C-alpha cells in the first residue's frame, strides 16, 4: 500500500515525518469511506484544481476532502433517497467540494450554495472550471422549496443569533430533509461571542430526528439528519 506523498516535488514546506503522518491518516480515512461507499462517490477522481496533497493509495491519487464527502453523502443516503433529491441548498459551501460530488452522482439536481463573498468567488471559480453548474447566492431565496438542506461545520462557527436565524429560515423553505454536522458543544469566537454547538441549537417541533450520533472520525463533532414535518398553510378564500 503506497500512501506516501511525493513531497519533494510539491514544495509543501512540511517535514517528511509530517507528510507521512498525514498520508497515513488520509489512507485510513479513505479506506473507512470506501467501506461505506454504496453511492460510488469514490469511483470518481477529485479534480486536481487547487493542488490537493499528493497522496496515493495503490497507485491512485486520493484526497481527504473526497473521503469526507463520500462519508457524508453515504450517511445521508442511508436515511433518505439521495439520488431523488431535485432541489438542494447548501449553507456555507466553501470552495464547492460537496456540490461537486453531489452533482456528479446526481447531475439532474438543482444545487444552490449560500455563503459569504470570498467563498462564493472561490466556489464559482472551482465549480466553473470543473464544468459543474450551481446557483450561488449571499442569501436564501425564500420563494424556493428545497428537498434537502446541507450544512457542514459552519452553524457551529456562527454567532448563536445567526445560526438560530438560519434554522428558522430552513423551516420556511425546506419540506423534506436537513443534514448538519460540526462541534456538539458551545464555544466562543475571537471576539468572545457565543457560538452554539449542534447539540445546543433549538430546532423546534417540526424537526424530527432521523439520526444523531458522534462523528465517525472527528472528535467533538456530531452528525445530525432531520426530517422536517412542515404543513403548507392554505389560504382562506
C-alpha atoms as a PDB file:
ATOM      1  CA  UNK A   1       0.000   0.000   0.000  1.00  0.00           C
ATOM      2  CA  UNK A   2       1.597   3.261  -1.155  1.00  0.00           C
ATOM      3  CA  UNK A   3       0.108   6.233   0.713  1.00  0.00           C
ATOM      4  CA  UNK A   4       3.180   8.463   0.841  1.00  0.00           C
ATOM      5  CA  UNK A   5       3.042  11.841  -0.944  1.00  0.00           C
ATOM      6  CA  UNK A   6       5.638  12.971  -3.453  1.00  0.00           C
ATOM      7  CA  UNK A   7       6.644  15.799  -1.148  1.00  0.00           C
ATOM      8  CA  UNK A   8       9.956  16.537  -2.852  1.00  0.00           C
ATOM      9  CA  UNK A   9       8.161  17.734  -5.988  1.00  0.00           C
ATOM     10  CA  UNK A  10       5.400  19.778  -4.375  1.00  0.00           C
ATOM     11  CA  UNK A  11       7.160  22.230  -2.065  1.00  0.00           C
ATOM     12  CA  UNK A  12       4.639  21.933   0.776  1.00  0.00           C
ATOM     13  CA  UNK A  13       7.137  23.041   3.407  1.00  0.00           C
ATOM     14  CA  UNK A  14       6.270  20.144   5.723  1.00  0.00           C
ATOM     15  CA  UNK A  15       8.780  17.754   7.180  1.00  0.00           C
ATOM     16  CA  UNK A  16       8.881  14.241   5.676  1.00  0.00           C
ATOM     17  CA  UNK A  17       7.577  12.874   9.003  1.00  0.00           C
ATOM     18  CA  UNK A  18       4.564  15.216   8.999  1.00  0.00           C
ATOM     19  CA  UNK A  19       3.762  14.410   5.375  1.00  0.00           C
ATOM     20  CA  UNK A  20       3.915  10.682   6.026  1.00  0.00           C
ATOM     21  CA  UNK A  21       1.662  11.054   9.082  1.00  0.00           C
ATOM     22  CA  UNK A  22      -0.857  12.999   7.004  1.00  0.00           C
ATOM     23  CA  UNK A  23      -0.660  10.437   4.210  1.00  0.00           C
ATOM     24  CA  UNK A  24      -1.267   7.585   6.679  1.00  0.00           C
ATOM     25  CA  UNK A  25      -4.282   9.441   8.108  1.00  0.00           C
ATOM     26  CA  UNK A  26      -5.687  10.101   4.633  1.00  0.00           C
ATOM     27  CA  UNK A  27      -5.204   6.477   3.628  1.00  0.00           C
ATOM     28  CA  UNK A  28      -7.043   5.222   6.714  1.00  0.00           C
ATOM     29  CA  UNK A  29      -9.844   7.734   6.197  1.00  0.00           C
ATOM     30  CA  UNK A  30     -10.164   6.712   2.550  1.00  0.00           C
ATOM     31  CA  UNK A  31     -10.477   3.040   3.421  1.00  0.00           C
ATOM     32  CA  UNK A  32     -13.149   3.855   6.013  1.00  0.00           C
ATOM     33  CA  UNK A  33     -15.067   5.816   3.378  1.00  0.00           C
ATOM     34  CA  UNK A  34     -14.645   3.000   0.866  1.00  0.00           C
ATOM     35  CA  UNK A  35     -16.316   0.530   3.240  1.00  0.00           C
ATOM     36  CA  UNK A  36     -19.454   2.694   3.313  1.00  0.00           C
ATOM     37  CA  UNK A  37     -19.495   3.932  -0.290  1.00  0.00           C
ATOM     38  CA  UNK A  38     -22.762   2.495  -1.626  1.00  0.00           C
ATOM     39  CA  UNK A  39     -23.190   5.519  -3.904  1.00  0.00           C
ATOM     40  CA  UNK A  40     -19.893   5.090  -5.703  1.00  0.00           C
ATOM     41  CA  UNK A  41     -18.627   8.556  -4.793  1.00  0.00           C
ATOM     42  CA  UNK A  42     -15.062   7.258  -4.662  1.00  0.00           C
ATOM     43  CA  UNK A  43     -15.356   5.914  -8.201  1.00  0.00           C
ATOM     44  CA  UNK A  44     -14.760   9.481  -9.347  1.00  0.00           C
ATOM     45  CA  UNK A  45     -11.418  11.241  -9.083  1.00  0.00           C
ATOM     46  CA  UNK A  46     -11.472  14.650  -7.454  1.00  0.00           C
ATOM     47  CA  UNK A  47     -10.103  17.326  -9.823  1.00  0.00           C
ATOM     48  CA  UNK A  48      -6.502  18.337  -9.223  1.00  0.00           C
ATOM     49  CA  UNK A  49      -7.529  22.008  -9.359  1.00  0.00           C
ATOM     50  CA  UNK A  50      -6.315  23.617  -6.154  1.00  0.00           C
ATOM     51  CA  UNK A  51      -3.425  21.132  -5.876  1.00  0.00           C
ATOM     52  CA  UNK A  52      -4.655  18.810  -3.102  1.00  0.00           C
ATOM     53  CA  UNK A  53      -1.984  16.951  -1.167  1.00  0.00           C
ATOM     54  CA  UNK A  54      -0.453  14.311  -3.478  1.00  0.00           C
ATOM     55  CA  UNK A  55      -1.348  11.172  -1.539  1.00  0.00           C
ATOM     56  CA  UNK A  56      -1.613   7.859  -3.387  1.00  0.00           C
ATOM     57  CA  UNK A  57      -3.186   4.559  -2.408  1.00  0.00           C
ATOM     58  CA  UNK A  58      -2.494   1.500  -4.578  1.00  0.00           C
ATOM     59  CA  UNK A  59      -1.380   3.795  -7.379  1.00  0.00           C
ATOM     60  CA  UNK A  60      -4.404   6.105  -7.276  1.00  0.00           C
ATOM     61  CA  UNK A  61      -4.385   9.720  -6.072  1.00  0.00           C
ATOM     62  CA  UNK A  62      -6.713  10.098  -3.071  1.00  0.00           C
ATOM     63  CA  UNK A  63      -7.763  13.136  -1.036  1.00  0.00           C
ATOM     64  CA  UNK A  64      -9.101  13.820   2.419  1.00  0.00           C
ATOM     65  CA  UNK A  65     -11.909  16.016   1.038  1.00  0.00           C
ATOM     66  CA  UNK A  66     -13.217  13.304  -1.279  1.00  0.00           C
ATOM     67  CA  UNK A  67     -13.235  10.748   1.546  1.00  0.00           C
ATOM     68  CA  UNK A  68     -15.113  13.162   3.836  1.00  0.00           C
ATOM     69  CA  UNK A  69     -17.635  13.971   1.090  1.00  0.00           C
ATOM     70  CA  UNK A  70     -18.187  10.270   0.442  1.00  0.00           C
ATOM     71  CA  UNK A  71     -18.824   9.590   4.133  1.00  0.00           C
ATOM     72  CA  UNK A  72     -21.276  12.485   4.409  1.00  0.00           C
ATOM     73  CA  UNK A  73     -23.205  11.664   1.230  1.00  0.00           C
ATOM     74  CA  UNK A  74     -23.471   7.966   2.013  1.00  0.00           C
ATOM     75  CA  UNK A  75     -24.657   8.729   5.539  1.00  0.00           C
ATOM     76  CA  UNK A  76     -27.384  10.953   4.114  1.00  0.00           C
ATOM     77  CA  UNK A  77     -28.344   8.246   1.644  1.00  0.00           C
ATOM     78  CA  UNK A  78     -28.884   5.762   4.460  1.00  0.00           C
ATOM     79  CA  UNK A  79     -31.774   7.914   5.716  1.00  0.00           C
ATOM     80  CA  UNK A  80     -33.207   9.458   2.550  1.00  0.00           C
ATOM     81  CA  UNK A  81     -33.289   8.658  -1.200  1.00  0.00           C
ATOM     82  CA  UNK A  82     -30.401  10.973  -2.046  1.00  0.00           C
ATOM     83  CA  UNK A  83     -30.483  10.387  -5.799  1.00  0.00           C
ATOM     84  CA  UNK A  84     -34.125  11.505  -5.862  1.00  0.00           C
ATOM     85  CA  UNK A  85     -33.333  14.942  -4.457  1.00  0.00           C
ATOM     86  CA  UNK A  86     -34.158  17.631  -7.018  1.00  0.00           C
ATOM     87  CA  UNK A  87     -33.570  20.961  -5.243  1.00  0.00           C
ATOM     88  CA  UNK A  88     -30.631  21.092  -2.826  1.00  0.00           C
ATOM     89  CA  UNK A  89     -29.465  24.032  -0.706  1.00  0.00           C
ATOM     90  CA  UNK A  90     -26.056  24.109   0.950  1.00  0.00           C
ATOM     91  CA  UNK A  91     -25.413  26.824   3.521  1.00  0.00           C
ATOM     92  CA  UNK A  92     -21.682  27.501   3.763  1.00  0.00           C
ATOM     93  CA  UNK A  93     -20.470  25.532   0.767  1.00  0.00           C
ATOM     94  CA  UNK A  94     -16.823  26.605   0.916  1.00  0.00           C
ATOM     95  CA  UNK A  95     -14.956  26.023  -2.326  1.00  0.00           C
ATOM     96  CA  UNK A  96     -17.645  23.606  -3.552  1.00  0.00           C
ATOM     97  CA  UNK A  97     -16.438  20.095  -2.699  1.00  0.00           C
ATOM     98  CA  UNK A  98     -19.856  18.814  -1.605  1.00  0.00           C
ATOM     99  CA  UNK A  99     -21.551  20.451  -4.580  1.00  0.00           C
ATOM    100  CA  UNK A 100     -19.057  18.818  -6.937  1.00  0.00           C
ATOM    101  CA  UNK A 101     -19.689  15.292  -5.685  1.00  0.00           C
ATOM    102  CA  UNK A 102     -23.443  15.704  -5.250  1.00  0.00           C
ATOM    103  CA  UNK A 103     -23.789  16.989  -8.802  1.00  0.00           C
ATOM    104  CA  UNK A 104     -21.503  14.216 -10.044  1.00  0.00           C
ATOM    105  CA  UNK A 105     -23.648  11.426  -8.620  1.00  0.00           C
ATOM    106  CA  UNK A 106     -26.962  13.290  -9.143  1.00  0.00           C
ATOM    107  CA  UNK A 107     -26.419  15.567 -12.162  1.00  0.00           C
ATOM    108  CA  UNK A 108     -30.109  16.414 -12.597  1.00  0.00           C
ATOM    109  CA  UNK A 109     -30.497  18.070  -9.195  1.00  0.00           C
ATOM    110  CA  UNK A 110     -30.540  21.849  -8.872  1.00  0.00           C
ATOM    111  CA  UNK A 111     -27.883  22.900  -6.365  1.00  0.00           C
ATOM    112  CA  UNK A 112     -27.667  26.251  -4.597  1.00  0.00           C
ATOM    113  CA  UNK A 113     -24.805  27.446  -2.395  1.00  0.00           C
ATOM    114  CA  UNK A 114     -25.377  30.302   0.059  1.00  0.00           C
ATOM    115  CA  UNK A 115     -22.197  31.750   1.531  1.00  0.00           C
ATOM    116  CA  UNK A 116     -20.206  34.945   2.040  1.00  0.00           C
ATOM    117  CA  UNK A 117     -18.452  36.700  -0.843  1.00  0.00           C
ATOM    118  CA  UNK A 118     -14.896  35.313  -0.629  1.00  0.00           C
ATOM    119  CA  UNK A 119     -16.171  31.726  -0.521  1.00  0.00           C
ATOM    120  CA  UNK A 120     -18.694  32.346  -3.306  1.00  0.00           C
ATOM    121  CA  UNK A 121     -15.991  33.653  -5.612  1.00  0.00           C
ATOM    122  CA  UNK A 122     -13.821  30.617  -4.868  1.00  0.00           C
ATOM    123  CA  UNK A 123     -16.739  28.210  -5.416  1.00  0.00           C
ATOM    124  CA  UNK A 124     -17.632  29.943  -8.678  1.00  0.00           C
ATOM    125  CA  UNK A 125     -14.047  29.578  -9.943  1.00  0.00           C
ATOM    126  CA  UNK A 126     -13.670  25.959  -8.831  1.00  0.00           C
ATOM    127  CA  UNK A 127     -17.036  24.622  -9.976  1.00  0.00           C
ATOM    128  CA  UNK A 128     -17.000  26.531 -13.259  1.00  0.00           C
ATOM    129  CA  UNK A 129     -13.546  25.111 -14.043  1.00  0.00           C
ATOM    130  CA  UNK A 130     -14.891  21.622 -13.225  1.00  0.00           C
ATOM    131  CA  UNK A 131     -17.902  22.090 -15.503  1.00  0.00           C
ATOM    132  CA  UNK A 132     -20.392  21.940 -12.614  1.00  0.00           C
ATOM    133  CA  UNK A 133     -23.422  24.242 -12.757  1.00  0.00           C
ATOM    134  CA  UNK A 134     -24.710  25.578  -9.441  1.00  0.00           C
ATOM    135  CA  UNK A 135     -26.551  28.669  -8.244  1.00  0.00           C
ATOM    136  CA  UNK A 136     -24.590  30.963  -5.939  1.00  0.00           C
ATOM    137  CA  UNK A 137     -26.161  33.488  -3.579  1.00  0.00           C
ATOM    138  CA  UNK A 138     -25.463  35.549  -0.467  1.00  0.00           C
ATOM    139  CA  UNK A 139     -28.975  34.940   0.879  1.00  0.00           C
ATOM    140  CA  UNK A 140     -31.585  32.188   0.846  1.00  0.00           C
ATOM    141  CA  UNK A 141     -34.397  32.646  -1.664  1.00  0.00           C
ATOM    142  CA  UNK A 142     -37.497  32.104   0.464  1.00  0.00           C
ATOM    143  CA  UNK A 143     -39.689  31.605  -2.598  1.00  0.00           C
ATOM    144  CA  UNK A 144     -37.905  28.284  -3.219  1.00  0.00           C
ATOM    145  CA  UNK A 145     -38.808  24.908  -1.746  1.00  0.00           C
ATOM    146  CA  UNK A 146     -35.809  22.674  -1.109  1.00  0.00           C
ATOM    147  CA  UNK A 147     -35.960  18.932  -0.511  1.00  0.00           C
ATOM    148  CA  UNK A 148     -32.508  18.821   1.087  1.00  0.00           C
ATOM    149  CA  UNK A 149     -30.558  21.414   3.089  1.00  0.00           C
ATOM    150  CA  UNK A 150     -26.902  20.748   3.952  1.00  0.00           C
ATOM    151  CA  UNK A 151     -24.597  22.489   6.404  1.00  0.00           C
ATOM    152  CA  UNK A 152     -21.177  21.040   7.166  1.00  0.00           C
ATOM    153  CA  UNK A 153     -19.396  22.660  10.087  1.00  0.00           C
ATOM    154  CA  UNK A 154     -20.442  26.277   9.855  1.00  0.00           C
ATOM    155  CA  UNK A 155     -23.513  26.598  12.089  1.00  0.00           C
ATOM    156  CA  UNK A 156     -21.146  25.819  14.963  1.00  0.00           C
ATOM    157  CA  UNK A 157     -18.843  28.642  13.782  1.00  0.00           C
ATOM    158  CA  UNK A 158     -21.536  31.333  13.601  1.00  0.00           C
ATOM    159  CA  UNK A 159     -22.731  33.634  16.387  1.00  0.00           C
ATOM    160  CA  UNK A 160     -25.671  31.943  18.078  1.00  0.00           C
ATOM    161  CA  UNK A 161     -28.176  34.512  16.824  1.00  0.00           C
ATOM    162  CA  UNK A 162     -27.106  33.880  13.224  1.00  0.00           C
ATOM    163  CA  UNK A 163     -27.248  30.082  13.381  1.00  0.00           C
ATOM    164  CA  UNK A 164     -30.683  30.220  15.048  1.00  0.00           C
ATOM    165  CA  UNK A 165     -31.934  32.598  12.345  1.00  0.00           C
ATOM    166  CA  UNK A 166     -30.810  30.096   9.704  1.00  0.00           C
ATOM    167  CA  UNK A 167     -32.770  27.319  11.419  1.00  0.00           C
ATOM    168  CA  UNK A 168     -35.948  29.374  11.362  1.00  0.00           C
ATOM    169  CA  UNK A 169     -35.401  30.177   7.677  1.00  0.00           C
ATOM    170  CA  UNK A 170     -34.836  26.498   6.879  1.00  0.00           C
ATOM    171  CA  UNK A 171     -38.222  25.743   8.428  1.00  0.00           C
ATOM    172  CA  UNK A 172     -39.801  28.083   5.878  1.00  0.00           C
ATOM    173  CA  UNK A 173     -38.016  26.836   2.761  1.00  0.00           C
ATOM    174  CA  UNK A 174     -37.368  23.105   3.298  1.00  0.00           C
ATOM    175  CA  UNK A 175     -40.111  20.489   3.096  1.00  0.00           C
ATOM    176  CA  UNK A 176     -38.053  17.346   3.474  1.00  0.00           C
ATOM    177  CA  UNK A 177     -34.555  16.664   4.914  1.00  0.00           C
ATOM    178  CA  UNK A 178     -31.699  18.523   6.616  1.00  0.00           C
ATOM    179  CA  UNK A 179     -28.127  17.304   7.193  1.00  0.00           C
ATOM    180  CA  UNK A 180     -25.787  19.126   9.584  1.00  0.00           C
ATOM    181  CA  UNK A 181     -22.502  18.315  11.255  1.00  0.00           C
ATOM    182  CA  UNK A 182     -19.966  20.103  13.407  1.00  0.00           C
ATOM    183  CA  UNK A 183     -18.997  20.567  17.042  1.00  0.00           C
ATOM    184  CA  UNK A 184     -21.561  19.338  19.525  1.00  0.00           C
ATOM    185  CA  UNK A 185     -20.864  21.870  22.305  1.00  0.00           C
ATOM    186  CA  UNK A 186     -20.567  25.633  22.642  1.00  0.00           C
ATOM    187  CA  UNK A 187     -17.505  27.749  22.046  1.00  0.00           C
ATOM    188  CA  UNK A 188     -16.639  31.412  21.523  1.00  0.00           C
ATOM    189  CA  UNK A 189     -15.226  33.224  18.514  1.00  0.00           C
ATOM    190  CA  UNK A 190     -12.217  35.555  18.575  1.00  0.00           C
ATOM    191  CA  UNK A 191     -14.476  38.434  19.683  1.00  0.00           C
ATOM    192  CA  UNK A 192     -15.885  36.489  22.605  1.00  0.00           C
ATOM    193  CA  UNK A 193     -19.305  35.981  21.014  1.00  0.00           C
ATOM    194  CA  UNK A 194     -21.087  32.777  21.998  1.00  0.00           C
ATOM    195  CA  UNK A 195     -21.409  30.045  19.398  1.00  0.00           C
ATOM    196  CA  UNK A 196     -23.774  27.149  19.985  1.00  0.00           C
ATOM    197  CA  UNK A 197     -22.820  23.556  19.305  1.00  0.00           C
ATOM    198  CA  UNK A 198     -25.201  21.408  17.299  1.00  0.00           C
ATOM    199  CA  UNK A 199     -26.492  19.670  20.427  1.00  0.00           C
ATOM    200  CA  UNK A 200     -27.417  23.084  21.869  1.00  0.00           C
ATOM    201  CA  UNK A 201     -29.305  24.643  18.963  1.00  0.00           C
ATOM    202  CA  UNK A 202     -33.096  24.844  19.382  1.00  0.00           C
ATOM    203  CA  UNK A 203     -34.507  23.033  16.367  1.00  0.00           C
ATOM    204  CA  UNK A 204     -38.229  23.345  17.047  1.00  0.00           C
ATOM    205  CA  UNK A 205     -41.153  20.940  16.961  1.00  0.00           C
ATOM    206  CA  UNK A 206     -41.067  20.477  13.178  1.00  0.00           C
ATOM    207  CA  UNK A 207     -37.600  18.883  13.262  1.00  0.00           C
ATOM    208  CA  UNK A 208     -37.924  15.093  13.545  1.00  0.00           C
ATOM    209  CA  UNK A 209     -34.569  13.441  14.305  1.00  0.00           C
ATOM    210  CA  UNK A 210     -33.662  10.582  11.967  1.00  0.00           C
ATOM    211  CA  UNK A 211     -30.024  10.298  13.003  1.00  0.00           C
ATOM    212  CA  UNK A 212     -27.859  11.914  15.680  1.00  0.00           C
ATOM    213  CA  UNK A 213     -24.553  10.310  16.565  1.00  0.00           C
ATOM    214  CA  UNK A 214     -20.941  11.175  17.226  1.00  0.00           C
ATOM    215  CA  UNK A 215     -18.970  11.876  14.064  1.00  0.00           C
ATOM    216  CA  UNK A 216     -17.153   8.845  12.713  1.00  0.00           C
ATOM    217  CA  UNK A 217     -13.639  10.270  12.891  1.00  0.00           C
ATOM    218  CA  UNK A 218     -13.645  13.876  14.158  1.00  0.00           C
ATOM    219  CA  UNK A 219     -13.619  14.059  17.998  1.00  0.00           C
ATOM    220  CA  UNK A 220     -16.132  16.511  19.403  1.00  0.00           C
ATOM    221  CA  UNK A 221     -18.276  16.552  16.262  1.00  0.00           C
ATOM    222  CA  UNK A 222     -21.742  15.136  15.685  1.00  0.00           C
ATOM    223  CA  UNK A 223     -23.731  14.252  12.563  1.00  0.00           C
ATOM    224  CA  UNK A 224     -27.458  15.007  12.524  1.00  0.00           C
ATOM    225  CA  UNK A 225     -30.158  14.246   9.983  1.00  0.00           C
ATOM    226  CA  UNK A 226     -33.672  15.633  10.327  1.00  0.00           C
ATOM    227  CA  UNK A 227     -36.949  15.302   8.512  1.00  0.00           C
ATOM    228  CA  UNK A 228     -38.963  18.496   8.566  1.00  0.00           C
ATOM    229  CA  UNK A 229     -42.669  17.991   9.182  1.00  0.00           C
ATOM    230  CA  UNK A 230     -43.874  21.260   7.681  1.00  0.00           C
ATOM    231  CA  UNK A 231     -47.534  21.713   6.913  1.00  0.00           C
ATOM    232  CA  UNK A 232     -48.280  24.021   3.998  1.00  0.00           C
ATOM    233  CA  UNK A 233     -50.571  26.841   5.047  1.00  0.00           C
ATOM    234  CA  UNK A 234     -53.712  27.026   2.956  1.00  0.00           C
ATOM    235  CA  UNK A 235     -55.018  30.499   2.276  1.00  0.00           C
ATOM    236  CA  UNK A 236     -58.660  31.024   3.182  1.00  0.00           C
ATOM    237  CA  UNK A 237     -60.883  32.254   0.349  1.00  0.00           C
END
